[in-house]
Amino acid sequence: MLIDTYGRVATDLRVSLTDRCNLRCTYCMPEEGLQWLAKPDLLTDDEIVRLITIAVRDLGIEEVRFTGGEPLLRPGLVGIVERVAALTPRPQMSLTTNGIGLQRTARALRDAGLDRVNVSLDTLRPDVFTALTRRKRHDDVLRGLEAAREAGLTPVKVNTVLMPGLNDDEAPDLLAWAIAQDYELRFIEQMPLDAQHGWKRDGMITAGDILASLRTRFELTPEGQEVRGAAPAERWLVDGGPHRVGVIASVTRPFCRACDRTRLTADGQIRTCLFATEETDLRGALRSGAPDDEIARIWKLAMWGKKAGSGLDDPSFLQPDRPMSAIGG
């Protein structure tokens, strides 16, 4: 097992497939000038599948989530999903995406074995989408969401970040739309993982702000800790159910005590926390010919040193050098 000194066991693996993206969201990337990882530094498809195999077969991983950057930009994605789906035991597989490429890939991903998707969409207004992402691709995201639903990649979850002065008034409208479309909406507090290091605690829209806005139109009933488990989202039943809405409050309501995640970057580094400032290199071990049991040993040692929390609630918190696009969500 991947266990740490606080007794937490990692069963959820987040795998970043690329640091590249076809959007430039203001809370994640600068408009231009971001240095991409060099192609030789990226794990190959075979290396990714080998590491996932070790994680599932030898280390107790039960769920694999593919992330980026934008994972749909990875040419070998469908093949990777198909190979991971053939593992014994078979892990649950999901994908976090901006949705732009889903219209053409959703069916192939479902046929390969993908279970579900999380799609990022921060606004219902095309002009605000352009301001937030610096790209005119709003319709593509909506079509991608529809394709995912039609392909059976359900429940389709929609991830939304609210930004002051841009879309902070849209929470009730977004929830009404998600209910009508049978998507599960999850609001995510803006996190200090932008490449330009422009995040400010006193300027963010908090979970409390989001819930207050939603309650102007909906009755929210908390599901409770026993239902949430290790999931990052606190969830509420909307008007008595069956629809739900979630809020991931990484900054104001950290959930580190129940964390069950380990992360693999696109260049083969293990991160024990989204906000970690240290990494453990598995790519070097792979390429130097290390056997599977040695790679598993390195991974277990890295997890044993996982810190108690992210440190976000500490005034001395330092933002990681890597932005979200290079870590994986």
C-alpha atoms as a PDB file:
ATOM      1  CA  MET A   1       0.000   0.000   0.000  1.00  0.00           C
ATOM      2  CA  LEU A   2       0.941   3.637  -0.440  1.00  0.00           C
ATOM      3  CA  ILE A   3       0.645   4.679   3.197  1.00  0.00           C
ATOM      4  CA  ASP A   4       2.028   7.730   4.980  1.00  0.00           C
ATOM      5  CA  THR A   5       3.059   8.378   8.570  1.00  0.00           C
ATOM      6  CA  TYR A   6      -0.413   9.767   9.363  1.00  0.00           C
ATOM      7  CA  GLY A   7      -2.125   6.528   8.362  1.00  0.00           C
ATOM      8  CA  ARG A   8      -3.587   7.826   5.105  1.00  0.00           C
ATOM      9  CA  VAL A   9      -3.618   5.332   2.241  1.00  0.00           C
ATOM     10  CA  ALA A  10      -3.434   6.512  -1.372  1.00  0.00           C
ATOM     11  CA  THR A  11      -5.863   4.651  -3.620  1.00  0.00           C
ATOM     12  CA  ASP A  12      -6.397   7.443  -6.187  1.00  0.00           C
ATOM     13  CA  LEU A  13      -3.703   8.158  -8.808  1.00  0.00           C
ATOM     14  CA  ARG A  14      -3.758  11.374 -10.857  1.00  0.00           C
ATOM     15  CA  VAL A  15      -1.723  10.991 -14.062  1.00  0.00           C
ATOM     16  CA  SER A  16      -0.774  14.099 -16.039  1.00  0.00           C
ATOM     17  CA  LEU A  17      -0.332  13.233 -19.725  1.00  0.00           C
ATOM     18  CA  THR A  18       0.912  16.612 -20.946  1.00  0.00           C
ATOM     19  CA  ASP A  19       1.505  20.148 -19.722  1.00  0.00           C
ATOM     20  CA  ARG A  20       0.173  21.640 -22.964  1.00  0.00           C
ATOM     21  CA  CYS A  21      -3.283  23.158 -23.298  1.00  0.00           C
ATOM     22  CA  ASN A  22      -5.378  24.754 -26.042  1.00  0.00           C
ATOM     23  CA  LEU A  23      -6.861  27.343 -23.656  1.00  0.00           C
ATOM     24  CA  ARG A  24      -5.107  30.050 -21.634  1.00  0.00           C
ATOM     25  CA  CYS A  25      -7.309  30.407 -18.552  1.00  0.00           C
ATOM     26  CA  THR A  26      -6.374  33.488 -16.569  1.00  0.00           C
ATOM     27  CA  TYR A  27      -6.203  31.586 -13.257  1.00  0.00           C
ATOM     28  CA  CYS A  28      -3.867  28.949 -14.717  1.00  0.00           C
ATOM     29  CA  MET A  29      -1.660  30.279 -17.531  1.00  0.00           C
ATOM     30  CA  PRO A  30      -0.289  33.532 -18.896  1.00  0.00           C
ATOM     31  CA  GLU A  31      -1.498  34.507 -22.364  1.00  0.00           C
ATOM     32  CA  GLU A  32       1.872  33.613 -23.870  1.00  0.00           C
ATOM     33  CA  GLY A  33       5.455  32.786 -22.980  1.00  0.00           C
ATOM     34  CA  LEU A  34       4.974  29.638 -20.880  1.00  0.00           C
ATOM     35  CA  GLN A  35       7.812  27.160 -21.356  1.00  0.00           C
ATOM     36  CA  TRP A  36       6.558  23.660 -22.273  1.00  0.00           C
ATOM     37  CA  LEU A  37       8.231  20.465 -21.162  1.00  0.00           C
ATOM     38  CA  ALA A  38      10.657  19.124 -23.756  1.00  0.00           C
ATOM     39  CA  LYS A  39       9.375  16.050 -25.589  1.00  0.00           C
ATOM     40  CA  PRO A  40      12.289  13.792 -24.483  1.00  0.00           C
ATOM     41  CA  ASP A  41      11.424  14.619 -20.854  1.00  0.00           C
ATOM     42  CA  LEU A  42       7.842  13.366 -21.207  1.00  0.00           C
ATOM     43  CA  LEU A  43       6.992   9.803 -20.273  1.00  0.00           C
ATOM     44  CA  THR A  44       6.235   7.611 -23.268  1.00  0.00           C
ATOM     45  CA  ASP A  45       2.928   5.756 -23.537  1.00  0.00           C
ATOM     46  CA  ASP A  46       4.677   2.520 -22.534  1.00  0.00           C
ATOM     47  CA  GLU A  47       6.271   4.193 -19.500  1.00  0.00           C
ATOM     48  CA  ILE A  48       2.939   5.619 -18.366  1.00  0.00           C
ATOM     49  CA  VAL A  49       1.221   2.249 -18.663  1.00  0.00           C
ATOM     50  CA  ARG A  50       4.063   0.522 -16.822  1.00  0.00           C
ATOM     51  CA  LEU A  51       3.885   2.950 -13.894  1.00  0.00           C
ATOM     52  CA  ILE A  52       0.096   2.670 -13.705  1.00  0.00           C
ATOM     53  CA  THR A  53       0.440  -1.119 -13.798  1.00  0.00           C
ATOM     54  CA  ILE A  54       2.839  -1.042 -10.846  1.00  0.00           C
ATOM     55  CA  ALA A  55       0.498   1.316  -8.978  1.00  0.00           C
ATOM     56  CA  VAL A  56      -2.579  -0.862  -9.551  1.00  0.00           C
ATOM     57  CA  ARG A  57      -1.025  -4.308  -9.268  1.00  0.00           C
ATOM     58  CA  ASP A  58       1.460  -3.707  -6.468  1.00  0.00           C
ATOM     59  CA  LEU A  59       0.472  -0.534  -4.593  1.00  0.00           C
ATOM     60  CA  GLY A  60      -3.289  -0.697  -4.139  1.00  0.00           C
ATOM     61  CA  ILE A  61      -4.385   2.039  -6.554  1.00  0.00           C
ATOM     62  CA  GLU A  62      -8.097   1.664  -7.330  1.00  0.00           C
ATOM     63  CA  GLU A  63      -8.844   4.795  -9.354  1.00  0.00           C
ATOM     64  CA  VAL A  64      -6.849   6.481 -12.123  1.00  0.00           C
ATOM     65  CA  ARG A  65      -7.653   9.983 -13.328  1.00  0.00           C
ATOM     66  CA  PHE A  66      -5.980  11.307 -16.475  1.00  0.00           C
ATOM     67  CA  THR A  67      -5.235  15.031 -16.393  1.00  0.00           C
ATOM     68  CA  GLY A  68      -3.035  17.654 -18.040  1.00  0.00           C
ATOM     69  CA  GLY A  69      -2.598  20.369 -19.219  1.00  0.00           C
ATOM     70  CA  GLU A  70      -5.240  19.135 -21.592  1.00  0.00           C
ATOM     71  CA  PRO A  71      -5.089  15.311 -21.759  1.00  0.00           C
ATOM     72  CA  LEU A  72      -7.032  15.146 -25.036  1.00  0.00           C
ATOM     73  CA  LEU A  73      -3.927  16.641 -26.679  1.00  0.00           C
ATOM     74  CA  ARG A  74      -2.040  13.422 -25.910  1.00  0.00           C
ATOM     75  CA  PRO A  75      -2.005  11.455 -29.211  1.00  0.00           C
ATOM     76  CA  GLY A  76      -1.889   8.058 -27.479  1.00  0.00           C
ATOM     77  CA  LEU A  77      -4.663   8.708 -24.963  1.00  0.00           C
ATOM     78  CA  VAL A  78      -7.202   6.178 -26.279  1.00  0.00           C
ATOM     79  CA  GLY A  79      -4.556   3.464 -26.407  1.00  0.00           C
ATOM     80  CA  ILE A  80      -3.397   4.219 -22.867  1.00  0.00           C
ATOM     81  CA  VAL A  81      -6.979   3.991 -21.597  1.00  0.00           C
ATOM     82  CA  GLU A  82      -7.513   0.685 -23.403  1.00  0.00           C
ATOM     83  CA  ARG A  83      -4.344  -0.828 -21.920  1.00  0.00           C
ATOM     84  CA  VAL A  84      -5.140   0.333 -18.402  1.00  0.00           C
ATOM     85  CA  ALA A  85      -8.676  -1.030 -18.710  1.00  0.00           C
ATOM     86  CA  ALA A  86      -7.148  -4.464 -19.350  1.00  0.00           C
ATOM     87  CA  LEU A  87      -5.308  -4.517 -16.003  1.00  0.00           C
ATOM     88  CA  THR A  88      -6.271  -6.886 -13.205  1.00  0.00           C
ATOM     89  CA  PRO A  89      -7.697  -5.601 -10.974  1.00  0.00           C
ATOM     90  CA  ARG A  90      -9.267  -3.067 -13.305  1.00  0.00           C
ATOM     91  CA  PRO A  91      -9.139   0.468 -11.877  1.00  0.00           C
ATOM     92  CA  GLN A  92     -11.908   3.007 -12.272  1.00  0.00           C
ATOM     93  CA  MET A  93     -10.815   5.544 -14.893  1.00  0.00           C
ATOM     94  CA  SER A  94     -11.828   9.165 -15.352  1.00  0.00           C
ATOM     95  CA  LEU A  95     -10.597  12.156 -17.319  1.00  0.00           C
ATOM     96  CA  THR A  96     -10.376  15.843 -16.424  1.00  0.00           C
ATOM     97  CA  THR A  97     -10.593  17.943 -19.598  1.00  0.00           C
ATOM     98  CA  ASN A  98     -11.566  21.339 -20.958  1.00  0.00           C
ATOM     99  CA  GLY A  99     -13.966  19.478 -23.238  1.00  0.00           C
ATOM    100  CA  ILE A 100     -12.847  20.997 -26.526  1.00  0.00           C
ATOM    101  CA  GLY A 101     -11.888  17.662 -28.104  1.00  0.00           C
ATOM    102  CA  LEU A 102     -14.624  15.542 -26.555  1.00  0.00           C
ATOM    103  CA  GLN A 103     -17.066  15.781 -29.447  1.00  0.00           C
ATOM    104  CA  ARG A 104     -14.742  13.686 -31.625  1.00  0.00           C
ATOM    105  CA  THR A 105     -13.226  11.442 -28.913  1.00  0.00           C
ATOM    106  CA  ALA A 106     -15.929  10.708 -26.324  1.00  0.00           C
ATOM    107  CA  ARG A 107     -17.223   7.543 -28.002  1.00  0.00           C
ATOM    108  CA  ALA A 108     -13.731   6.145 -28.622  1.00  0.00           C
ATOM    109  CA  LEU A 109     -12.740   6.807 -25.014  1.00  0.00           C
ATOM    110  CA  ARG A 110     -15.871   5.096 -23.729  1.00  0.00           C
ATOM    111  CA  ASP A 111     -15.272   2.102 -25.995  1.00  0.00           C
ATOM    112  CA  ALA A 112     -11.663   1.937 -24.749  1.00  0.00           C
ATOM    113  CA  GLY A 113     -12.867   1.686 -21.147  1.00  0.00           C
ATOM    114  CA  LEU A 114     -13.039   5.211 -19.743  1.00  0.00           C
ATOM    115  CA  ASP A 115     -15.749   5.440 -17.074  1.00  0.00           C
ATOM    116  CA  ARG A 116     -16.510   9.154 -16.809  1.00  0.00           C
ATOM    117  CA  VAL A 117     -15.289  12.727 -17.353  1.00  0.00           C
ATOM    118  CA  ASN A 118     -14.934  16.015 -15.505  1.00  0.00           C
ATOM    119  CA  VAL A 119     -15.219  18.995 -17.848  1.00  0.00           C
ATOM    120  CA  SER A 120     -14.104  22.525 -16.969  1.00  0.00           C
ATOM    121  CA  LEU A 121     -16.642  25.238 -17.786  1.00  0.00           C
ATOM    122  CA  ASP A 122     -16.642  28.494 -15.866  1.00  0.00           C
ATOM    123  CA  THR A 123     -19.423  30.440 -17.552  1.00  0.00           C
ATOM    124  CA  LEU A 124     -22.565  30.218 -19.673  1.00  0.00           C
ATOM    125  CA  ARG A 125     -21.726  33.484 -21.447  1.00  0.00           C
ATOM    126  CA  PRO A 126     -19.519  33.212 -24.562  1.00  0.00           C
ATOM    127  CA  ASP A 127     -17.995  36.669 -24.076  1.00  0.00           C
ATOM    128  CA  VAL A 128     -16.995  35.875 -20.496  1.00  0.00           C
ATOM    129  CA  PHE A 129     -15.589  32.521 -21.654  1.00  0.00           C
ATOM    130  CA  THR A 130     -13.384  34.377 -24.130  1.00  0.00           C
ATOM    131  CA  ALA A 131     -12.225  36.788 -21.426  1.00  0.00           C
ATOM    132  CA  LEU A 132     -11.430  33.924 -19.023  1.00  0.00           C
ATOM    133  CA  THR A 133      -9.783  31.522 -21.469  1.00  0.00           C
ATOM    134  CA  ARG A 134      -8.493  33.947 -24.125  1.00  0.00           C
ATOM    135  CA  ARG A 135     -10.001  31.658 -26.774  1.00  0.00           C
ATOM    136  CA  LYS A 136     -13.394  31.584 -28.574  1.00  0.00           C
ATOM    137  CA  ARG A 137     -14.235  27.912 -27.937  1.00  0.00           C
ATOM    138  CA  HIS A 138     -17.362  28.085 -25.773  1.00  0.00           C
ATOM    139  CA  ASP A 139     -19.565  26.203 -28.254  1.00  0.00           C
ATOM    140  CA  ASP A 140     -16.925  23.467 -28.575  1.00  0.00           C
ATOM    141  CA  VAL A 141     -17.045  22.844 -24.825  1.00  0.00           C
ATOM    142  CA  LEU A 142     -20.846  22.649 -24.810  1.00  0.00           C
ATOM    143  CA  ARG A 143     -20.776  20.170 -27.710  1.00  0.00           C
ATOM    144  CA  GLY A 144     -18.108  18.150 -25.927  1.00  0.00           C
ATOM    145  CA  LEU A 145     -20.264  17.922 -22.819  1.00  0.00           C
ATOM    146  CA  GLU A 146     -23.208  16.702 -24.864  1.00  0.00           C
ATOM    147  CA  ALA A 147     -21.013  14.105 -26.599  1.00  0.00           C
ATOM    148  CA  ALA A 148     -19.748  12.810 -23.248  1.00  0.00           C
ATOM    149  CA  ARG A 149     -23.299  12.429 -21.950  1.00  0.00           C
ATOM    150  CA  GLU A 150     -24.464  10.686 -25.113  1.00  0.00           C
ATOM    151  CA  ALA A 151     -21.457   8.326 -25.033  1.00  0.00           C
ATOM    152  CA  GLY A 152     -22.331   7.260 -21.482  1.00  0.00           C
ATOM    153  CA  LEU A 153     -19.355   8.858 -19.716  1.00  0.00           C
ATOM    154  CA  THR A 154     -21.578   9.546 -16.738  1.00  0.00           C
ATOM    155  CA  PRO A 155     -22.036  11.110 -14.335  1.00  0.00           C
ATOM    156  CA  VAL A 156     -20.690  14.026 -16.354  1.00  0.00           C
ATOM    157  CA  LYS A 157     -19.221  16.464 -13.847  1.00  0.00           C
ATOM    158  CA  VAL A 158     -18.660  20.142 -14.607  1.00  0.00           C
ATOM    159  CA  ASN A 159     -15.870  21.988 -12.788  1.00  0.00           C
ATOM    160  CA  THR A 160     -16.289  25.743 -12.336  1.00  0.00           C
ATOM    161  CA  VAL A 161     -13.962  28.398 -10.917  1.00  0.00           C
ATOM    162  CA  LEU A 162     -15.548  31.749 -10.067  1.00  0.00           C
ATOM    163  CA  MET A 163     -13.424  34.864 -10.598  1.00  0.00           C
ATOM    164  CA  PRO A 164     -14.185  38.313  -9.154  1.00  0.00           C
ATOM    165  CA  GLY A 165     -15.693  40.727 -11.652  1.00  0.00           C
ATOM    166  CA  LEU A 166     -16.029  38.120 -14.401  1.00  0.00           C
ATOM    167  CA  ASN A 167     -18.364  35.248 -13.533  1.00  0.00           C
ATOM    168  CA  ASP A 168     -18.890  35.560  -9.770  1.00  0.00           C
ATOM    169  CA  ASP A 169     -22.584  36.342 -10.355  1.00  0.00           C
ATOM    170  CA  GLU A 170     -23.274  33.136 -12.323  1.00  0.00           C
ATOM    171  CA  ALA A 171     -23.411  30.452  -9.622  1.00  0.00           C
ATOM    172  CA  PRO A 172     -27.238  30.085  -9.504  1.00  0.00           C
ATOM    173  CA  ASP A 173     -27.549  30.195 -13.311  1.00  0.00           C
ATOM    174  CA  LEU A 174     -24.842  27.575 -13.715  1.00  0.00           C
ATOM    175  CA  LEU A 175     -26.533  25.263 -11.236  1.00  0.00           C
ATOM    176  CA  ALA A 176     -29.934  25.643 -12.906  1.00  0.00           C
ATOM    177  CA  TRP A 177     -28.337  24.872 -16.285  1.00  0.00           C
ATOM    178  CA  ALA A 178     -26.444  21.832 -14.926  1.00  0.00           C
ATOM    179  CA  ILE A 179     -29.636  20.403 -13.427  1.00  0.00           C
ATOM    180  CA  ALA A 180     -31.492  20.887 -16.714  1.00  0.00           C
ATOM    181  CA  GLN A 181     -28.686  19.132 -18.616  1.00  0.00           C
ATOM    182  CA  ASP A 182     -28.282  16.366 -16.008  1.00  0.00           C
ATOM    183  CA  TYR A 183     -24.672  17.305 -15.233  1.00  0.00           C
ATOM    184  CA  GLU A 184     -23.218  17.392 -11.730  1.00  0.00           C
ATOM    185  CA  LEU A 185     -21.776  20.830 -11.018  1.00  0.00           C
ATOM    186  CA  ARG A 186     -18.759  21.343  -8.762  1.00  0.00           C
ATOM    187  CA  PHE A 187     -17.399  24.745  -7.833  1.00  0.00           C
ATOM    188  CA  ILE A 188     -13.671  24.916  -7.104  1.00  0.00           C
ATOM    189  CA  GLU A 189     -12.025  27.695  -5.123  1.00  0.00           C
ATOM    190  CA  GLN A 190      -9.284  29.413  -7.094  1.00  0.00           C
ATOM    191  CA  MET A 191      -5.995  27.889  -5.966  1.00  0.00           C
ATOM    192  CA  PRO A 192      -2.454  29.341  -5.836  1.00  0.00           C
ATOM    193  CA  LEU A 193      -1.237  27.320  -8.807  1.00  0.00           C
ATOM    194  CA  ASP A 194      -1.217  29.903 -11.601  1.00  0.00           C
ATOM    195  CA  ALA A 195       1.962  30.164 -13.680  1.00  0.00           C
ATOM    196  CA  GLN A 196       2.149  33.931 -13.200  1.00  0.00           C
ATOM    197  CA  HIS A 197       1.852  33.670  -9.378  1.00  0.00           C
ATOM    198  CA  GLY A 198      -0.893  36.288  -9.338  1.00  0.00           C
ATOM    199  CA  TRP A 199      -3.179  34.534  -6.827  1.00  0.00           C
ATOM    200  CA  LYS A 200      -4.254  36.581  -3.821  1.00  0.00           C
ATOM    201  CA  ARG A 201      -6.118  35.114  -0.856  1.00  0.00           C
ATOM    202  CA  ASP A 202      -8.110  38.280  -0.220  1.00  0.00           C
ATOM    203  CA  GLY A 203      -9.348  38.421  -3.817  1.00  0.00           C
ATOM    204  CA  MET A 204     -10.728  34.921  -4.241  1.00  0.00           C
ATOM    205  CA  ILE A 205     -14.348  33.786  -4.247  1.00  0.00           C
ATOM    206  CA  THR A 206     -14.651  31.453  -1.257  1.00  0.00           C
ATOM    207  CA  ALA A 207     -16.833  28.411  -0.654  1.00  0.00           C
ATOM    208  CA  GLY A 208     -18.888  30.548   1.724  1.00  0.00           C
ATOM    209  CA  ASP A 209     -19.480  33.114  -1.021  1.00  0.00           C
ATOM    210  CA  ILE A 210     -20.524  30.396  -3.471  1.00  0.00           C
ATOM    211  CA  LEU A 211     -22.974  28.752  -1.075  1.00  0.00           C
ATOM    212  CA  ALA A 212     -24.503  32.085  -0.113  1.00  0.00           C
ATOM    213  CA  SER A 213     -25.077  32.879  -3.781  1.00  0.00           C
ATOM    214  CA  LEU A 214     -26.635  29.469  -4.507  1.00  0.00           C
ATOM    215  CA  ARG A 215     -28.970  29.769  -1.531  1.00  0.00           C
ATOM    216  CA  THR A 216     -30.562  32.870  -3.030  1.00  0.00           C
ATOM    217  CA  ARG A 217     -32.339  30.479  -5.417  1.00  0.00           C
ATOM    218  CA  PHE A 218     -31.992  26.924  -4.091  1.00  0.00           C
ATOM    219  CA  GLU A 219     -32.386  25.003  -0.854  1.00  0.00           C
ATOM    220  CA  LEU A 220     -29.183  23.114  -0.089  1.00  0.00           C
ATOM    221  CA  THR A 221     -29.024  20.120   2.267  1.00  0.00           C
ATOM    222  CA  PRO A 222     -25.554  18.768   3.155  1.00  0.00           C
ATOM    223  CA  GLU A 223     -24.982  15.120   2.286  1.00  0.00           C
ATOM    224  CA  GLY A 224     -22.681  14.612   5.251  1.00  0.00           C
ATOM    225  CA  GLN A 225     -19.149  13.418   5.917  1.00  0.00           C
ATOM    226  CA  GLU A 226     -20.096   9.738   5.822  1.00  0.00           C
ATOM    227  CA  VAL A 227     -21.149  10.123   2.182  1.00  0.00           C
ATOM    228  CA  ARG A 228     -18.196  12.294   1.182  1.00  0.00           C
ATOM    229  CA  GLY A 229     -15.444   9.965   2.400  1.00  0.00           C
ATOM    230  CA  ALA A 230     -12.096  11.010   0.889  1.00  0.00           C
ATOM    231  CA  ALA A 231     -13.694  12.940  -1.988  1.00  0.00           C
ATOM    232  CA  PRO A 232     -12.475  16.550  -2.246  1.00  0.00           C
ATOM    233  CA  ALA A 233     -15.956  17.971  -2.858  1.00  0.00           C
ATOM    234  CA  GLU A 234     -18.427  18.725  -0.096  1.00  0.00           C
ATOM    235  CA  ARG A 235     -21.788  17.937  -1.677  1.00  0.00           C
ATOM    236  CA  TRP A 236     -25.297  19.265  -1.120  1.00  0.00           C
ATOM    237  CA  LEU A 237     -28.660  17.962  -2.277  1.00  0.00           C
ATOM    238  CA  VAL A 238     -30.430  20.648  -4.298  1.00  0.00           C
ATOM    239  CA  ASP A 239     -34.050  21.287  -3.293  1.00  0.00           C
ATOM    240  CA  GLY A 240     -34.200  17.892  -1.602  1.00  0.00           C
ATOM    241  CA  GLY A 241     -32.561  15.957  -4.454  1.00  0.00           C
ATOM    242  CA  PRO A 242     -31.889  13.959  -6.479  1.00  0.00           C
ATOM    243  CA  HIS A 243     -29.581  16.576  -8.038  1.00  0.00           C
ATOM    244  CA  ARG A 244     -26.402  17.538  -6.202  1.00  0.00           C
ATOM    245  CA  VAL A 245     -23.888  20.340  -6.240  1.00  0.00           C
ATOM    246  CA  GLY A 246     -20.351  20.148  -4.894  1.00  0.00           C
ATOM    247  CA  VAL A 247     -17.854  22.692  -3.608  1.00  0.00           C
ATOM    248  CA  ILE A 248     -14.127  21.969  -3.457  1.00  0.00           C
ATOM    249  CA  ALA A 249     -12.777  24.387  -0.855  1.00  0.00           C
ATOM    250  CA  SER A 250      -9.062  23.615  -1.032  1.00  0.00           C
ATOM    251  CA  VAL A 251      -8.126  26.989   0.449  1.00  0.00           C
ATOM    252  CA  THR A 252     -10.740  27.795   3.094  1.00  0.00           C
ATOM    253  CA  ARG A 253     -11.769  24.244   4.114  1.00  0.00           C
ATOM    254  CA  PRO A 254      -8.751  21.981   3.460  1.00  0.00           C
ATOM    255  CA  PHE A 255      -9.501  18.246   3.347  1.00  0.00           C
ATOM    256  CA  CYS A 256      -5.926  17.018   3.822  1.00  0.00           C
ATOM    257  CA  ARG A 257      -6.809  14.743   6.747  1.00  0.00           C
ATOM    258  CA  ALA A 258      -8.765  12.405   4.442  1.00  0.00           C
ATOM    259  CA  CYS A 259      -6.535  12.739   1.352  1.00  0.00           C
ATOM    260  CA  ASP A 260      -6.119   9.498  -0.620  1.00  0.00           C
ATOM    261  CA  ARG A 261      -4.264  10.830  -3.676  1.00  0.00           C
ATOM    262  CA  THR A 262      -0.859  10.447  -5.270  1.00  0.00           C
ATOM    263  CA  ARG A 263       0.197  12.279  -8.424  1.00  0.00           C
ATOM    264  CA  LEU A 264       2.388  11.448 -11.408  1.00  0.00           C
ATOM    265  CA  THR A 265       3.517  14.349 -13.594  1.00  0.00           C
ATOM    266  CA  ALA A 266       3.921  14.114 -17.359  1.00  0.00           C
ATOM    267  CA  ASP A 267       7.701  14.012 -16.925  1.00  0.00           C
ATOM    268  CA  GLY A 268       7.625  11.151 -14.427  1.00  0.00           C
ATOM    269  CA  GLN A 269       7.771  12.844 -11.040  1.00  0.00           C
ATOM    270  CA  ILE A 270       5.769  11.694  -8.021  1.00  0.00           C
ATOM    271  CA  ARG A 271       4.046  14.437  -6.034  1.00  0.00           C
ATOM    272  CA  THR A 272       2.407  13.566  -2.741  1.00  0.00           C
ATOM    273  CA  CYS A 273       0.335  16.764  -2.690  1.00  0.00           C
ATOM    274  CA  LEU A 274      -0.959  19.246  -5.245  1.00  0.00           C
ATOM    275  CA  PHE A 275       0.889  21.979  -3.336  1.00  0.00           C
ATOM    276  CA  ALA A 276       4.098  20.033  -2.656  1.00  0.00           C
ATOM    277  CA  THR A 277       7.427  21.755  -3.205  1.00  0.00           C
ATOM    278  CA  GLU A 278       9.325  18.457  -3.461  1.00  0.00           C
ATOM    279  CA  GLU A 279       9.082  15.665  -6.031  1.00  0.00           C
ATOM    280  CA  THR A 280      10.444  12.131  -6.392  1.00  0.00           C
ATOM    281  CA  ASP A 281      11.834  11.039  -9.748  1.00  0.00           C
ATOM    282  CA  LEU A 282      10.483   7.796 -11.219  1.00  0.00           C
ATOM    283  CA  ARG A 283      11.469   8.535 -14.821  1.00  0.00           C
ATOM    284  CA  GLY A 284      15.142   8.199 -13.992  1.00  0.00           C
ATOM    285  CA  ALA A 285      14.569   4.834 -12.342  1.00  0.00           C
ATOM    286  CA  LEU A 286      12.533   3.634 -15.324  1.00  0.00           C
ATOM    287  CA  ARG A 287      15.138   4.658 -17.868  1.00  0.00           C
ATOM    288  CA  SER A 288      18.051   3.271 -15.878  1.00  0.00           C
ATOM    289  CA  GLY A 289      16.497  -0.196 -15.998  1.00  0.00           C
ATOM    290  CA  ALA A 290      15.115  -0.459 -12.458  1.00  0.00           C
ATOM    291  CA  PRO A 291      12.801  -3.461 -11.934  1.00  0.00           C
ATOM    292  CA  ASP A 292       9.172  -2.993 -10.913  1.00  0.00           C
ATOM    293  CA  ASP A 293       9.790  -3.790  -7.257  1.00  0.00           C
ATOM    294  CA  GLU A 294      12.452  -1.062  -7.023  1.00  0.00           C
ATOM    295  CA  ILE A 295      10.115   1.493  -8.585  1.00  0.00           C
ATOM    296  CA  ALA A 296       7.403   0.447  -6.125  1.00  0.00           C
ATOM    297  CA  ARG A 297       9.883   0.862  -3.254  1.00  0.00           C
ATOM    298  CA  ILE A 298      10.787   4.404  -4.364  1.00  0.00           C
ATOM    299  CA  TRP A 299       7.099   5.290  -4.681  1.00  0.00           C
ATOM    300  CA  LYS A 300       6.252   3.925  -1.238  1.00  0.00           C
ATOM    301  CA  LEU A 301       9.158   5.826   0.315  1.00  0.00           C
ATOM    302  CA  ALA A 302       7.945   9.062  -1.290  1.00  0.00           C
ATOM    303  CA  MET A 303       4.441   8.571   0.093  1.00  0.00           C
ATOM    304  CA  TRP A 304       5.764   7.719   3.552  1.00  0.00           C
ATOM    305  CA  GLY A 305       7.191  11.255   3.687  1.00  0.00           C
ATOM    306  CA  LYS A 306       3.898  12.982   2.803  1.00  0.00           C
ATOM    307  CA  LYS A 307       3.254  16.043   4.959  1.00  0.00           C
ATOM    308  CA  ALA A 308       0.230  16.411   7.214  1.00  0.00           C
ATOM    309  CA  GLY A 309      -1.330  19.129   5.086  1.00  0.00           C
ATOM    310  CA  SER A 310      -0.950  21.482   2.158  1.00  0.00           C
ATOM    311  CA  GLY A 311       0.112  24.410   4.331  1.00  0.00           C
ATOM    312  CA  LEU A 312      -2.415  26.708   2.672  1.00  0.00           C
ATOM    313  CA  ASP A 313      -3.659  27.857   6.058  1.00  0.00           C
ATOM    314  CA  ASP A 314      -0.140  28.885   7.096  1.00  0.00           C
ATOM    315  CA  PRO A 315       0.773  32.573   6.553  1.00  0.00           C
ATOM    316  CA  SER A 316       4.228  31.430   5.416  1.00  0.00           C
ATOM    317  CA  PHE A 317       2.779  29.283   2.579  1.00  0.00           C
ATOM    318  CA  LEU A 318       4.884  29.335  -0.573  1.00  0.00           C
ATOM    319  CA  GLN A 319       3.318  28.608  -3.947  1.00  0.00           C
ATOM    320  CA  PRO A 320       4.903  25.659  -5.806  1.00  0.00           C
ATOM    321  CA  ASP A 321       7.189  26.527  -8.702  1.00  0.00           C
ATOM    322  CA  ARG A 322       5.214  24.306 -11.052  1.00  0.00           C
ATOM    323  CA  PRO A 323       1.846  25.684 -12.213  1.00  0.00           C
ATOM    324  CA  MET A 324      -1.278  23.539 -12.305  1.00  0.00           C
ATOM    325  CA  SER A 325      -0.783  22.815 -16.015  1.00  0.00           C
ATOM    326  CA  ALA A 326       2.536  21.114 -15.273  1.00  0.00           C
ATOM    327  CA  ILE A 327       1.315  19.244 -12.173  1.00  0.00           C
ATOM    328  CA  GLY A 328      -2.015  17.802 -13.260  1.00  0.00           C
ATOM    329  CA  GLY A 329      -5.337  18.471 -11.545  1.00  0.00           C
END
